């Protein structure tokens, strides 16, 4: 049975429930806009060990002593692409010796990521999550999804959706983490 909808398109009703289930269970990441960094109350920081495009392994635990922003993104996600240059400027402003951005690309071909990086060079590692294992461990359901990890390795803040990383309140909150003892 294929009913007609608004513009004359037909929809197979047997497929619609599967689409609804996929969306509800977070199987299809979507892009949204965040309003602010929110305090984290989601429990312990999951491990994060992934490879860069060149094959070099990056371990979040190796960045203890620095504040780390873990950003889950994809090239098809317009808000993700839009916030990448701001993330690079924020890292430069706060100092890469103390503040690191780790951009985790969610399940895309390396060729697509490389094309994006040719057009938008970044000053931070782009990590590969080809099977979305890290995304699931970090409970990522929407892109972009960002987590700010303190110098002891604990998530302190999160942002679901695009955030203005150059906003004074956002950068001040992260800067305060850099000077906290």
Foldseek 3Di string as FASTA:
>chain_A
DWDADDVRDTDDPVCVVVVVVCLVVLVDAAADAWEAWAFDDPDFDDWDWFAFLVRDIDTPVVQQQAKEKEKEAEPVHVLRLVCQVVVQVLCVVLDVVHYAYEYEYEQDDPVVVVVSCVVPPGPHTYGYDNPCPVVVRVVPRYPTKMFIAANRGGTTIITGHRDNCPPPVNSVVNSVSSPDD
